[in-house]
Amino acid sequence: MDTVMDRTEIVLRVTDADGRWSARTVWVVVLDGEAYVRSAFGPRSAWYRRVLRHADAEVEVAGQRLPVSLQPVRDPELVQRVSDAYRAKYGLTWPGPVESMNGHEAAATTLRLTDIRQVSQLPT
């Protein structure tokens, strides 16, 4: 695996109110060279709420931590394409969790990871 697209999961780290880092393993999909993640628990997830409040974030891939920015995706067509990508990448292995990830609440938390190019170049 030499790109984010090939990875099943990445570790997303987000700071909490007192500056401590909290780590979550999340599924990642890539469309047109852009990486996307979602909160499996929808907007009630603490890490997602912190991202919306502009907490610092980084990804941990191949043993390295790199800062990233996460931007909410509001375009319904793009959100649907991300849902389709989740289904294509994870649907055969984890059909139940994929349907949950593609449910209305989780789909509404779709985030684009920016500055991800560095991560895609990391060795395995």
PDB file of N, CA and C in Angstrom:
ATOM      1  N   MET A   1       0.837  -1.182   0.000  1.00  0.00           N
ATOM      2  CA  MET A   1       0.000   0.000   0.000  1.00  0.00           C
ATOM      3  C   MET A   1       0.883   1.247   0.000  1.00  0.00           C
ATOM      4  N   ASP A   2       0.812   2.009  -1.062  1.00  0.00           N
ATOM      5  CA  ASP A   2       1.656   3.180  -1.096  1.00  0.00           C
ATOM      6  C   ASP A   2       0.886   4.488  -1.218  1.00  0.00           C
ATOM      7  N   THR A   3      -0.424   4.440  -1.145  1.00  0.00           N
ATOM      8  CA  THR A   3      -1.208   5.672  -1.150  1.00  0.00           C
ATOM      9  C   THR A   3      -2.306   5.575  -0.106  1.00  0.00           C
ATOM     10  N   VAL A   4      -2.874   6.712   0.221  1.00  0.00           N
ATOM     11  CA  VAL A   4      -4.003   6.728   1.156  1.00  0.00           C
ATOM     12  C   VAL A   4      -5.153   5.901   0.590  1.00  0.00           C
ATOM     13  N   MET A   5      -5.366   5.968  -0.715  1.00  0.00           N
ATOM     14  CA  MET A   5      -6.477   5.242  -1.330  1.00  0.00           C
ATOM     15  C   MET A   5      -6.390   3.746  -1.059  1.00  0.00           C
ATOM     16  N   ASP A   6      -5.188   3.215  -1.019  1.00  0.00           N
ATOM     17  CA  ASP A   6      -5.007   1.787  -0.822  1.00  0.00           C
ATOM     18  C   ASP A   6      -5.212   1.351   0.624  1.00  0.00           C
ATOM     19  N   ARG A   7      -5.194   2.275   1.531  1.00  0.00           N
ATOM     20  CA  ARG A   7      -5.291   1.937   2.951  1.00  0.00           C
ATOM     21  C   ARG A   7      -6.735   1.687   3.350  1.00  0.00           C
ATOM     22  N   THR A   8      -6.919   0.714   4.209  1.00  0.00           N
ATOM     23  CA  THR A   8      -8.253   0.437   4.726  1.00  0.00           C
ATOM     24  C   THR A   8      -8.653   1.487   5.748  1.00  0.00           C
ATOM     25  N   GLU A   9      -7.694   1.891   6.572  1.00  0.00           N
ATOM     26  CA  GLU A   9      -7.968   2.843   7.647  1.00  0.00           C
ATOM     27  C   GLU A   9      -6.783   3.790   7.805  1.00  0.00           C
ATOM     28  N   ILE A  10      -7.081   4.935   8.377  1.00  0.00           N
ATOM     29  CA  ILE A  10      -6.030   5.839   8.823  1.00  0.00           C
ATOM     30  C   ILE A  10      -6.365   6.241  10.248  1.00  0.00           C
ATOM     31  N   VAL A  11      -5.377   6.720  10.960  1.00  0.00           N
ATOM     32  CA  VAL A  11      -5.602   7.236  12.305  1.00  0.00           C
ATOM     33  C   VAL A  11      -5.708   8.747  12.187  1.00  0.00           C
ATOM     34  N   LEU A  12      -6.841   9.267  12.608  1.00  0.00           N
ATOM     35  CA  LEU A  12      -7.084  10.704  12.623  1.00  0.00           C
ATOM     36  C   LEU A  12      -6.927  11.171  14.055  1.00  0.00           C
ATOM     37  N   ARG A  13      -6.091  12.169  14.245  1.00  0.00           N
ATOM     38  CA  ARG A  13      -5.836  12.710  15.575  1.00  0.00           C
ATOM     39  C   ARG A  13      -6.336  14.148  15.611  1.00  0.00           C
ATOM     40  N   VAL A  14      -7.078  14.480  16.672  1.00  0.00           N
ATOM     41  CA  VAL A  14      -7.670  15.814  16.819  1.00  0.00           C
ATOM     42  C   VAL A  14      -7.423  16.282  18.246  1.00  0.00           C
ATOM     43  N   THR A  15      -7.128  17.577  18.402  1.00  0.00           N
ATOM     44  CA  THR A  15      -6.908  18.100  19.754  1.00  0.00           C
ATOM     45  C   THR A  15      -8.244  18.340  20.440  1.00  0.00           C
ATOM     46  N   ASP A  16      -8.239  18.150  21.773  1.00  0.00           N
ATOM     47  CA  ASP A  16      -9.432  18.477  22.554  1.00  0.00           C
ATOM     48  C   ASP A  16      -9.246  19.858  23.176  1.00  0.00           C
ATOM     49  N   ALA A  17     -10.183  20.273  24.001  1.00  0.00           N
ATOM     50  CA  ALA A  17     -10.186  21.638  24.546  1.00  0.00           C
ATOM     51  C   ALA A  17      -8.920  21.985  25.316  1.00  0.00           C
ATOM     52  N   ASP A  18      -8.312  21.011  25.971  1.00  0.00           N
ATOM     53  CA  ASP A  18      -7.098  21.314  26.748  1.00  0.00           C
ATOM     54  C   ASP A  18      -5.808  21.035  25.968  1.00  0.00           C
ATOM     55  N   GLY A  19      -5.940  20.799  24.666  1.00  0.00           N
ATOM     56  CA  GLY A  19      -4.762  20.624  23.820  1.00  0.00           C
ATOM     57  C   GLY A  19      -4.241  19.210  23.704  1.00  0.00           C
ATOM     58  N   ARG A  20      -4.855  18.270  24.415  1.00  0.00           N
ATOM     59  CA  ARG A  20      -4.414  16.876  24.298  1.00  0.00           C
ATOM     60  C   ARG A  20      -4.935  16.281  22.999  1.00  0.00           C
ATOM     61  N   TRP A  21      -4.170  15.348  22.464  1.00  0.00           N
ATOM     62  CA  TRP A  21      -4.556  14.690  21.220  1.00  0.00           C
ATOM     63  C   TRP A  21      -5.427  13.481  21.502  1.00  0.00           C
ATOM     64  N   SER A  22      -6.453  13.303  20.705  1.00  0.00           N
ATOM     65  CA  SER A  22      -7.322  12.144  20.759  1.00  0.00           C
ATOM     66  C   SER A  22      -7.248  11.461  19.395  1.00  0.00           C
ATOM     67  N   ALA A  23      -7.064  10.156  19.389  1.00  0.00           N
ATOM     68  CA  ALA A  23      -6.913   9.422  18.133  1.00  0.00           C
ATOM     69  C   ALA A  23      -8.142   8.572  17.840  1.00  0.00           C
ATOM     70  N   ARG A  24      -8.533   8.541  16.571  1.00  0.00           N
ATOM     71  CA  ARG A  24      -9.626   7.702  16.104  1.00  0.00           C
ATOM     72  C   ARG A  24      -9.198   7.036  14.809  1.00  0.00           C
ATOM     73  N   THR A  25      -9.450   5.761  14.704  1.00  0.00           N
ATOM     74  CA  THR A  25      -9.221   5.063  13.454  1.00  0.00           C
ATOM     75  C   THR A  25     -10.459   5.265  12.593  1.00  0.00           C
ATOM     76  N   VAL A  26     -10.246   5.723  11.364  1.00  0.00           N
ATOM     77  CA  VAL A  26     -11.373   6.009  10.472  1.00  0.00           C
ATOM     78  C   VAL A  26     -11.104   5.404   9.101  1.00  0.00           C
ATOM     79  N   TRP A  27     -12.191   5.092   8.418  1.00  0.00           N
ATOM     80  CA  TRP A  27     -12.093   4.669   7.029  1.00  0.00           C
ATOM     81  C   TRP A  27     -11.855   5.898   6.170  1.00  0.00           C
ATOM     82  N   VAL A  28     -11.144   5.715   5.086  1.00  0.00           N
ATOM     83  CA  VAL A  28     -10.846   6.811   4.169  1.00  0.00           C
ATOM     84  C   VAL A  28     -11.121   6.360   2.741  1.00  0.00           C
ATOM     85  N   VAL A  29     -11.718   7.251   1.960  1.00  0.00           N
ATOM     86  CA  VAL A  29     -11.910   7.001   0.530  1.00  0.00           C
ATOM     87  C   VAL A  29     -11.326   8.179  -0.237  1.00  0.00           C
ATOM     88  N   VAL A  30     -10.963   7.917  -1.473  1.00  0.00           N
ATOM     89  CA  VAL A  30     -10.369   8.952  -2.313  1.00  0.00           C
ATOM     90  C   VAL A  30     -11.155   9.044  -3.616  1.00  0.00           C
ATOM     91  N   LEU A  31     -11.513  10.271  -3.963  1.00  0.00           N
ATOM     92  CA  LEU A  31     -12.183  10.564  -5.231  1.00  0.00           C
ATOM     93  C   LEU A  31     -11.412  11.668  -5.924  1.00  0.00           C
ATOM     94  N   ASP A  32     -11.079  11.458  -7.176  1.00  0.00           N
ATOM     95  CA  ASP A  32     -10.400  12.491  -7.960  1.00  0.00           C
ATOM     96  C   ASP A  32      -9.197  13.074  -7.222  1.00  0.00           C
ATOM     97  N   GLY A  33      -8.454  12.216  -6.538  1.00  0.00           N
ATOM     98  CA  GLY A  33      -7.245  12.645  -5.853  1.00  0.00           C
ATOM     99  C   GLY A  33      -7.459  13.322  -4.515  1.00  0.00           C
ATOM    100  N   GLU A  34      -8.687  13.414  -4.037  1.00  0.00           N
ATOM    101  CA  GLU A  34      -9.005  14.035  -2.749  1.00  0.00           C
ATOM    102  C   GLU A  34      -9.467  12.952  -1.772  1.00  0.00           C
ATOM    103  N   ALA A  35      -8.992  13.027  -0.528  1.00  0.00           N
ATOM    104  CA  ALA A  35      -9.358  12.040   0.497  1.00  0.00           C
ATOM    105  C   ALA A  35     -10.530  12.565   1.324  1.00  0.00           C
ATOM    106  N   TYR A  36     -11.420  11.645   1.724  1.00  0.00           N
ATOM    107  CA  TYR A  36     -12.614  11.983   2.494  1.00  0.00           C
ATOM    108  C   TYR A  36     -12.771  11.014   3.658  1.00  0.00           C
ATOM    109  N   VAL A  37     -13.268  11.531   4.771  1.00  0.00           N
ATOM    110  CA  VAL A  37     -13.601  10.722   5.945  1.00  0.00           C
ATOM    111  C   VAL A  37     -14.972  11.149   6.443  1.00  0.00           C
ATOM    112  N   ARG A  38     -15.540  10.310   7.317  1.00  0.00           N
ATOM    113  CA  ARG A  38     -16.833  10.590   7.953  1.00  0.00           C
ATOM    114  C   ARG A  38     -16.799  10.117   9.381  1.00  0.00           C
ATOM    115  N   SER A  39     -17.706  10.662  10.162  1.00  0.00           N
ATOM    116  CA  SER A  39     -17.917  10.186  11.517  1.00  0.00           C
ATOM    117  C   SER A  39     -18.962   9.081  11.488  1.00  0.00           C
ATOM    118  N   ALA A  40     -18.595   7.901  11.924  1.00  0.00           N
ATOM    119  CA  ALA A  40     -19.539   6.783  11.947  1.00  0.00           C
ATOM    120  C   ALA A  40     -20.731   7.065  12.868  1.00  0.00           C
ATOM    121  N   PHE A  41     -20.539   7.940  13.840  1.00  0.00           N
ATOM    122  CA  PHE A  41     -21.601   8.249  14.794  1.00  0.00           C
ATOM    123  C   PHE A  41     -22.274   9.583  14.500  1.00  0.00           C
ATOM    124  N   GLY A  42     -22.068  10.092  13.309  1.00  0.00           N
ATOM    125  CA  GLY A  42     -22.719  11.326  12.905  1.00  0.00           C
ATOM    126  C   GLY A  42     -22.204  12.525  13.686  1.00  0.00           C
ATOM    127  N   PRO A  43     -22.995  13.583  13.751  1.00  0.00           N
ATOM    128  CA  PRO A  43     -22.538  14.833  14.364  1.00  0.00           C
ATOM    129  C   PRO A  43     -22.376  14.773  15.877  1.00  0.00           C
ATOM    130  N   ARG A  44     -22.805  13.705  16.510  1.00  0.00           N
ATOM    131  CA  ARG A  44     -22.631  13.620  17.965  1.00  0.00           C
ATOM    132  C   ARG A  44     -21.220  13.170  18.367  1.00  0.00           C
ATOM    133  N   SER A  45     -20.421  12.771  17.395  1.00  0.00           N
ATOM    134  CA  SER A  45     -19.056  12.339  17.676  1.00  0.00           C
ATOM    135  C   SER A  45     -18.218  13.524  18.154  1.00  0.00           C
ATOM    136  N   ALA A  46     -17.490  13.322  19.242  1.00  0.00           N
ATOM    137  CA  ALA A  46     -16.685  14.401  19.827  1.00  0.00           C
ATOM    138  C   ALA A  46     -15.608  14.878  18.867  1.00  0.00           C
ATOM    139  N   TRP A  47     -14.918  13.961  18.188  1.00  0.00           N
ATOM    140  CA  TRP A  47     -13.850  14.397  17.282  1.00  0.00           C
ATOM    141  C   TRP A  47     -14.405  15.250  16.162  1.00  0.00           C
ATOM    142  N   TYR A  48     -15.578  14.892  15.657  1.00  0.00           N
ATOM    143  CA  TYR A  48     -16.190  15.666  14.570  1.00  0.00           C
ATOM    144  C   TYR A  48     -16.552  17.076  15.044  1.00  0.00           C
ATOM    145  N   ARG A  49     -17.139  17.175  16.222  1.00  0.00           N
ATOM    146  CA  ARG A  49     -17.486  18.500  16.760  1.00  0.00           C
ATOM    147  C   ARG A  49     -16.239  19.350  16.971  1.00  0.00           C
ATOM    148  N   ARG A  50     -15.154  18.729  17.414  1.00  0.00           N
ATOM    149  CA  ARG A  50     -13.902  19.483  17.591  1.00  0.00           C
ATOM    150  C   ARG A  50     -13.359  19.972  16.252  1.00  0.00           C
ATOM    151  N   VAL A  51     -13.453  19.149  15.221  1.00  0.00           N
ATOM    152  CA  VAL A  51     -13.009  19.574  13.897  1.00  0.00           C
ATOM    153  C   VAL A  51     -13.796  20.808  13.458  1.00  0.00           C
ATOM    154  N   LEU A  52     -15.103  20.807  13.667  1.00  0.00           N
ATOM    155  CA  LEU A  52     -15.919  21.953  13.279  1.00  0.00           C
ATOM    156  C   LEU A  52     -15.550  23.211  14.051  1.00  0.00           C
ATOM    157  N   ARG A  53     -14.999  23.036  15.259  1.00  0.00           N
ATOM    158  CA  ARG A  53     -14.546  24.184  16.053  1.00  0.00           C
ATOM    159  C   ARG A  53     -13.092  24.526  15.737  1.00  0.00           C
ATOM    160  N   HIS A  54     -12.580  23.969  14.655  1.00  0.00           N
ATOM    161  CA  HIS A  54     -11.236  24.278  14.154  1.00  0.00           C
ATOM    162  C   HIS A  54     -10.117  23.752  15.044  1.00  0.00           C
ATOM    163  N   ALA A  55     -10.322  22.597  15.623  1.00  0.00           N
ATOM    164  CA  ALA A  55      -9.245  21.959  16.388  1.00  0.00           C
ATOM    165  C   ALA A  55      -8.120  21.576  15.435  1.00  0.00           C
ATOM    166  N   ASP A  56      -6.913  21.492  15.971  1.00  0.00           N
ATOM    167  CA  ASP A  56      -5.793  20.988  15.179  1.00  0.00           C
ATOM    168  C   ASP A  56      -6.053  19.525  14.853  1.00  0.00           C
ATOM    169  N   ALA A  57      -5.627  19.111  13.678  1.00  0.00           N
ATOM    170  CA  ALA A  57      -5.820  17.721  13.258  1.00  0.00           C
ATOM    171  C   ALA A  57      -4.577  17.239  12.524  1.00  0.00           C
ATOM    172  N   GLU A  58      -4.380  15.945  12.604  1.00  0.00           N
ATOM    173  CA  GLU A  58      -3.297  15.304  11.867  1.00  0.00           C
ATOM    174  C   GLU A  58      -3.709  13.875  11.563  1.00  0.00           C
ATOM    175  N   VAL A  59      -3.050  13.295  10.577  1.00  0.00           N
ATOM    176  CA  VAL A  59      -3.256  11.886  10.282  1.00  0.00           C
ATOM    177  C   VAL A  59      -1.975  11.152  10.609  1.00  0.00           C
ATOM    178  N   GLU A  60      -2.152   9.921  11.012  1.00  0.00           N
ATOM    179  CA  GLU A  60      -1.018   9.044  11.278  1.00  0.00           C
ATOM    180  C   GLU A  60      -1.097   7.907  10.274  1.00  0.00           C
ATOM    181  N   VAL A  61      -0.105   7.859   9.412  1.00  0.00           N
ATOM    182  CA  VAL A  61      -0.047   6.840   8.367  1.00  0.00           C
ATOM    183  C   VAL A  61       1.394   6.366   8.277  1.00  0.00           C
ATOM    184  N   ALA A  62       1.569   5.069   8.209  1.00  0.00           N
ATOM    185  CA  ALA A  62       2.907   4.478   8.077  1.00  0.00           C
ATOM    186  C   ALA A  62       3.838   4.978   9.178  1.00  0.00           C
ATOM    187  N   GLY A  63       3.292   5.155  10.386  1.00  0.00           N
ATOM    188  CA  GLY A  63       4.092   5.545  11.532  1.00  0.00           C
ATOM    189  C   GLY A  63       4.475   7.010  11.585  1.00  0.00           C
ATOM    190  N   GLN A  64       3.964   7.808  10.658  1.00  0.00           N
ATOM    191  CA  GLN A  64       4.270   9.234  10.655  1.00  0.00           C
ATOM    192  C   GLN A  64       3.004  10.046  10.884  1.00  0.00           C
ATOM    193  N   ARG A  65       3.161  11.160  11.581  1.00  0.00           N
ATOM    194  CA  ARG A  65       2.040  12.078  11.824  1.00  0.00           C
ATOM    195  C   ARG A  65       2.253  13.334  11.000  1.00  0.00           C
ATOM    196  N   LEU A  66       1.211  13.697  10.269  1.00  0.00           N
ATOM    197  CA  LEU A  66       1.277  14.892   9.440  1.00  0.00           C
ATOM    198  C   LEU A  66       0.042  15.746   9.663  1.00  0.00           C
ATOM    199  N   PRO A  67       0.213  17.063   9.796  1.00  0.00           N
ATOM    200  CA  PRO A  67      -0.948  17.937   9.980  1.00  0.00           C
ATOM    201  C   PRO A  67      -1.824  17.939   8.736  1.00  0.00           C
ATOM    202  N   VAL A  68      -3.124  18.023   8.945  1.00  0.00           N
ATOM    203  CA  VAL A  68      -4.095  18.124   7.861  1.00  0.00           C
ATOM    204  C   VAL A  68      -5.166  19.123   8.260  1.00  0.00           C
ATOM    205  N   SER A  69      -5.885  19.578   7.276  1.00  0.00           N
ATOM    206  CA  SER A  69      -7.080  20.376   7.504  1.00  0.00           C
ATOM    207  C   SER A  69      -8.259  19.545   7.042  1.00  0.00           C
ATOM    208  N   LEU A  70      -9.398  19.723   7.694  1.00  0.00           N
ATOM    209  CA  LEU A  70     -10.600  19.003   7.308  1.00  0.00           C
ATOM    210  C   LEU A  70     -11.689  20.030   7.007  1.00  0.00           C
ATOM    211  N   GLN A  71     -12.281  19.896   5.834  1.00  0.00           N
ATOM    212  CA  GLN A  71     -13.298  20.840   5.402  1.00  0.00           C
ATOM    213  C   GLN A  71     -14.614  20.112   5.172  1.00  0.00           C
ATOM    214  N   PRO A  72     -15.702  20.595   5.783  1.00  0.00           N
ATOM    215  CA  PRO A  72     -17.006  19.968   5.550  1.00  0.00           C
ATOM    216  C   PRO A  72     -17.389  20.019   4.073  1.00  0.00           C
ATOM    217  N   VAL A  73     -18.015  18.949   3.622  1.00  0.00           N
ATOM    218  CA  VAL A  73     -18.509  18.862   2.253  1.00  0.00           C
ATOM    219  C   VAL A  73     -20.016  19.078   2.306  1.00  0.00           C
ATOM    220  N   ARG A  74     -20.484  20.097   1.620  1.00  0.00           N
ATOM    221  CA  ARG A  74     -21.918  20.436   1.636  1.00  0.00           C
ATOM    222  C   ARG A  74     -22.630  20.108   0.331  1.00  0.00           C
ATOM    223  N   ASP A  75     -21.877  19.817  -0.718  1.00  0.00           N
ATOM    224  CA  ASP A  75     -22.459  19.523  -2.019  1.00  0.00           C
ATOM    225  C   ASP A  75     -23.098  18.128  -1.998  1.00  0.00           C
ATOM    226  N   PRO A  76     -24.435  18.042  -2.129  1.00  0.00           N
ATOM    227  CA  PRO A  76     -25.115  16.744  -2.043  1.00  0.00           C
ATOM    228  C   PRO A  76     -24.627  15.723  -3.081  1.00  0.00           C
ATOM    229  N   GLU A  77     -24.284  16.184  -4.260  1.00  0.00           N
ATOM    230  CA  GLU A  77     -23.793  15.259  -5.286  1.00  0.00           C
ATOM    231  C   GLU A  77     -22.448  14.653  -4.875  1.00  0.00           C
ATOM    232  N   LEU A  78     -21.568  15.470  -4.319  1.00  0.00           N
ATOM    233  CA  LEU A  78     -20.273  14.965  -3.863  1.00  0.00           C
ATOM    234  C   LEU A  78     -20.451  14.031  -2.668  1.00  0.00           C
ATOM    235  N   VAL A  79     -21.343  14.379  -1.752  1.00  0.00           N
ATOM    236  CA  VAL A  79     -21.617  13.502  -0.608  1.00  0.00           C
ATOM    237  C   VAL A  79     -22.084  12.135  -1.107  1.00  0.00           C
ATOM    238  N   GLN A  80     -22.939  12.118  -2.134  1.00  0.00           N
ATOM    239  CA  GLN A  80     -23.411  10.850  -2.698  1.00  0.00           C
ATOM    240  C   GLN A  80     -22.272  10.073  -3.350  1.00  0.00           C
ATOM    241  N   ARG A  81     -21.380  10.781  -4.034  1.00  0.00           N
ATOM    242  CA  ARG A  81     -20.226  10.106  -4.644  1.00  0.00           C
ATOM    243  C   ARG A  81     -19.326   9.498  -3.574  1.00  0.00           C
ATOM    244  N   VAL A  82     -19.161  10.196  -2.449  1.00  0.00           N
ATOM    245  CA  VAL A  82     -18.373   9.649  -1.343  1.00  0.00           C
ATOM    246  C   VAL A  82     -19.073   8.398  -0.795  1.00  0.00           C
ATOM    247  N   SER A  83     -20.395   8.442  -0.663  1.00  0.00           N
ATOM    248  CA  SER A  83     -21.144   7.250  -0.221  1.00  0.00           C
ATOM    249  C   SER A  83     -20.909   6.086  -1.172  1.00  0.00           C
ATOM    250  N   ASP A  84     -20.949   6.358  -2.460  1.00  0.00           N
ATOM    251  CA  ASP A  84     -20.707   5.303  -3.450  1.00  0.00           C
ATOM    252  C   ASP A  84     -19.286   4.740  -3.306  1.00  0.00           C
ATOM    253  N   ALA A  85     -18.328   5.621  -3.024  1.00  0.00           N
ATOM    254  CA  ALA A  85     -16.944   5.172  -2.843  1.00  0.00           C
ATOM    255  C   ALA A  85     -16.813   4.296  -1.596  1.00  0.00           C
ATOM    256  N   TYR A  86     -17.510   4.666  -0.510  1.00  0.00           N
ATOM    257  CA  TYR A  86     -17.501   3.816   0.689  1.00  0.00           C
ATOM    258  C   TYR A  86     -18.075   2.439   0.357  1.00  0.00           C
ATOM    259  N   ARG A  87     -19.180   2.426  -0.369  1.00  0.00           N
ATOM    260  CA  ARG A  87     -19.818   1.152  -0.717  1.00  0.00           C
ATOM    261  C   ARG A  87     -18.884   0.307  -1.588  1.00  0.00           C
ATOM    262  N   ALA A  88     -18.227   0.935  -2.561  1.00  0.00           N
ATOM    263  CA  ALA A  88     -17.331   0.198  -3.458  1.00  0.00           C
ATOM    264  C   ALA A  88     -16.110  -0.344  -2.719  1.00  0.00           C
ATOM    265  N   LYS A  89     -15.570   0.449  -1.804  1.00  0.00           N
ATOM    266  CA  LYS A  89     -14.328   0.053  -1.131  1.00  0.00           C
ATOM    267  C   LYS A  89     -14.564  -0.930   0.013  1.00  0.00           C
ATOM    268  N   TYR A  90     -15.635  -0.740   0.775  1.00  0.00           N
ATOM    269  CA  TYR A  90     -15.833  -1.516   2.005  1.00  0.00           C
ATOM    270  C   TYR A  90     -17.072  -2.424   1.990  1.00  0.00           C
ATOM    271  N   GLY A  91     -17.947  -2.249   1.025  1.00  0.00           N
ATOM    272  CA  GLY A  91     -19.253  -2.904   1.037  1.00  0.00           C
ATOM    273  C   GLY A  91     -19.250  -4.414   1.052  1.00  0.00           C
ATOM    274  N   LEU A  92     -18.344  -5.034   0.316  1.00  0.00           N
ATOM    275  CA  LEU A  92     -18.333  -6.496   0.280  1.00  0.00           C
ATOM    276  C   LEU A  92     -17.854  -7.096   1.596  1.00  0.00           C
ATOM    277  N   THR A  93     -16.907  -6.445   2.233  1.00  0.00           N
ATOM    278  CA  THR A  93     -16.340  -6.969   3.476  1.00  0.00           C
ATOM    279  C   THR A  93     -17.175  -6.590   4.691  1.00  0.00           C
ATOM    280  N   TRP A  94     -17.684  -5.369   4.736  1.00  0.00           N
ATOM    281  CA  TRP A  94     -18.431  -4.872   5.897  1.00  0.00           C
ATOM    282  C   TRP A  94     -19.738  -4.217   5.472  1.00  0.00           C
ATOM    283  N   PRO A  95     -20.691  -4.975   4.925  1.00  0.00           N
ATOM    284  CA  PRO A  95     -21.915  -4.360   4.393  1.00  0.00           C
ATOM    285  C   PRO A  95     -22.749  -3.619   5.441  1.00  0.00           C
ATOM    286  N   GLY A  96     -22.873  -4.160   6.644  1.00  0.00           N
ATOM    287  CA  GLY A  96     -23.659  -3.480   7.684  1.00  0.00           C
ATOM    288  C   GLY A  96     -23.057  -2.143   8.091  1.00  0.00           C
ATOM    289  N   PRO A  97     -21.768  -2.124   8.465  1.00  0.00           N
ATOM    290  CA  PRO A  97     -21.148  -0.844   8.814  1.00  0.00           C
ATOM    291  C   PRO A  97     -21.161   0.167   7.666  1.00  0.00           C
ATOM    292  N   VAL A  98     -21.050  -0.304   6.421  1.00  0.00           N
ATOM    293  CA  VAL A  98     -21.075   0.626   5.295  1.00  0.00           C
ATOM    294  C   VAL A  98     -22.443   1.293   5.195  1.00  0.00           C
ATOM    295  N   GLU A  99     -23.490   0.538   5.393  1.00  0.00           N
ATOM    296  CA  GLU A  99     -24.822   1.150   5.340  1.00  0.00           C
ATOM    297  C   GLU A  99     -24.986   2.191   6.442  1.00  0.00           C
ATOM    298  N   SER A 100     -24.411   1.917   7.597  1.00  0.00           N
ATOM    299  CA  SER A 100     -24.435   2.904   8.676  1.00  0.00           C
ATOM    300  C   SER A 100     -23.635   4.155   8.279  1.00  0.00           C
ATOM    301  N   MET A 101     -22.453   3.960   7.694  1.00  0.00           N
ATOM    302  CA  MET A 101     -21.620   5.082   7.258  1.00  0.00           C
ATOM    303  C   MET A 101     -22.286   5.896   6.153  1.00  0.00           C
ATOM    304  N   ASN A 102     -23.178   5.268   5.410  1.00  0.00           N
ATOM    305  CA  ASN A 102     -23.867   5.964   4.337  1.00  0.00           C
ATOM    306  C   ASN A 102     -25.247   6.466   4.755  1.00  0.00           C
ATOM    307  N   GLY A 103     -25.610   6.252   6.015  1.00  0.00           N
ATOM    308  CA  GLY A 103     -26.874   6.782   6.520  1.00  0.00           C
ATOM    309  C   GLY A 103     -26.836   8.298   6.554  1.00  0.00           C
ATOM    310  N   HIS A 104     -27.999   8.905   6.692  1.00  0.00           N
ATOM    311  CA  HIS A 104     -28.120  10.365   6.629  1.00  0.00           C
ATOM    312  C   HIS A 104     -27.211  11.087   7.624  1.00  0.00           C
ATOM    313  N   GLU A 105     -27.212  10.641   8.890  1.00  0.00           N
ATOM    314  CA  GLU A 105     -26.414  11.338   9.910  1.00  0.00           C
ATOM    315  C   GLU A 105     -24.918  11.262   9.621  1.00  0.00           C
ATOM    316  N   ALA A 106     -24.421  10.083   9.284  1.00  0.00           N
ATOM    317  CA  ALA A 106     -22.992   9.949   9.005  1.00  0.00           C
ATOM    318  C   ALA A 106     -22.617  10.670   7.713  1.00  0.00           C
ATOM    319  N   ALA A 107     -23.435  10.534   6.679  1.00  0.00           N
ATOM    320  CA  ALA A 107     -23.129  11.193   5.404  1.00  0.00           C
ATOM    321  C   ALA A 107     -23.047  12.708   5.567  1.00  0.00           C
ATOM    322  N   ALA A 108     -23.829  13.250   6.476  1.00  0.00           N
ATOM    323  CA  ALA A 108     -23.813  14.698   6.720  1.00  0.00           C
ATOM    324  C   ALA A 108     -22.498  15.166   7.339  1.00  0.00           C
ATOM    325  N   THR A 109     -21.666  14.238   7.803  1.00  0.00           N
ATOM    326  CA  THR A 109     -20.383  14.610   8.417  1.00  0.00           C
ATOM    327  C   THR A 109     -19.204  14.424   7.462  1.00  0.00           C
ATOM    328  N   THR A 110     -19.461  14.307   6.188  1.00  0.00           N
ATOM    329  CA  THR A 110     -18.393  14.102   5.214  1.00  0.00           C
ATOM    330  C   THR A 110     -17.404  15.265   5.262  1.00  0.00           C
ATOM    331  N   LEU A 111     -16.132  14.918   5.378  1.00  0.00           N
ATOM    332  CA  LEU A 111     -15.062  15.910   5.453  1.00  0.00           C
ATOM    333  C   LEU A 111     -13.996  15.608   4.413  1.00  0.00           C
ATOM    334  N   ARG A 112     -13.493  16.651   3.766  1.00  0.00           N
ATOM    335  CA  ARG A 112     -12.372  16.526   2.836  1.00  0.00           C
ATOM    336  C   ARG A 112     -11.089  16.809   3.603  1.00  0.00           C
ATOM    337  N   LEU A 113     -10.111  15.919   3.454  1.00  0.00           N
ATOM    338  CA  LEU A 113      -8.794  16.144   4.047  1.00  0.00           C
ATOM    339  C   LEU A 113      -7.962  16.929   3.047  1.00  0.00           C
ATOM    340  N   THR A 114      -7.461  18.064   3.476  1.00  0.00           N
ATOM    341  CA  THR A 114      -6.599  18.839   2.597  1.00  0.00           C
ATOM    342  C   THR A 114      -5.166  18.680   3.064  1.00  0.00           C
ATOM    343  N   ASP A 115      -4.256  19.047   2.211  1.00  0.00           N
ATOM    344  CA  ASP A 115      -2.823  18.864   2.460  1.00  0.00           C
ATOM    345  C   ASP A 115      -2.486  17.383   2.600  1.00  0.00           C
ATOM    346  N   ILE A 116      -3.227  16.542   1.924  1.00  0.00           N
ATOM    347  CA  ILE A 116      -3.053  15.098   2.034  1.00  0.00           C
ATOM    348  C   ILE A 116      -1.985  14.580   1.079  1.00  0.00           C
ATOM    349  N   ARG A 117      -1.534  15.378   0.130  1.00  0.00           N
ATOM    350  CA  ARG A 117      -0.556  14.901  -0.848  1.00  0.00           C
ATOM    351  C   ARG A 117       0.685  14.329  -0.189  1.00  0.00           C
ATOM    352  N   GLN A 118       1.121  14.973   0.888  1.00  0.00           N
ATOM    353  CA  GLN A 118       2.303  14.476   1.594  1.00  0.00           C
ATOM    354  C   GLN A 118       2.066  13.065   2.093  1.00  0.00           C
ATOM    355  N   VAL A 119       0.873  12.822   2.626  1.00  0.00           N
ATOM    356  CA  VAL A 119       0.561  11.511   3.172  1.00  0.00           C
ATOM    357  C   VAL A 119       0.553  10.458   2.065  1.00  0.00           C
ATOM    358  N   SER A 120       0.064  10.810   0.894  1.00  0.00           N
ATOM    359  CA  SER A 120      -0.033   9.816  -0.176  1.00  0.00           C
ATOM    360  C   SER A 120       1.337   9.362  -0.660  1.00  0.00           C
ATOM    361  N   GLN A 121       2.383  10.078  -0.311  1.00  0.00           N
ATOM    362  CA  GLN A 121       3.716   9.715  -0.750  1.00  0.00           C
ATOM    363  C   GLN A 121       4.483   8.882   0.288  1.00  0.00           C
ATOM    364  N   LEU A 122       3.885   8.637   1.444  1.00  0.00           N
ATOM    365  CA  LEU A 122       4.595   7.917   2.493  1.00  0.00           C
ATOM    366  C   LEU A 122       4.823   6.455   2.107  1.00  0.00           C
ATOM    367  N   PRO A 123       5.925   5.889   2.556  1.00  0.00           N
ATOM    368  CA  PRO A 123       6.152   4.458   2.316  1.00  0.00           C
ATOM    369  C   PRO A 123       5.228   3.637   3.214  1.00  0.00           C
ATOM    370  N   THR A 124       5.090   2.384   2.897  1.00  0.00           N
ATOM    371  CA  THR A 124       4.268   1.505   3.740  1.00  0.00           C
ATOM    372  C   THR A 124       5.023   1.073   4.960  1.00  0.00           C
TER     373      THR A 124
END
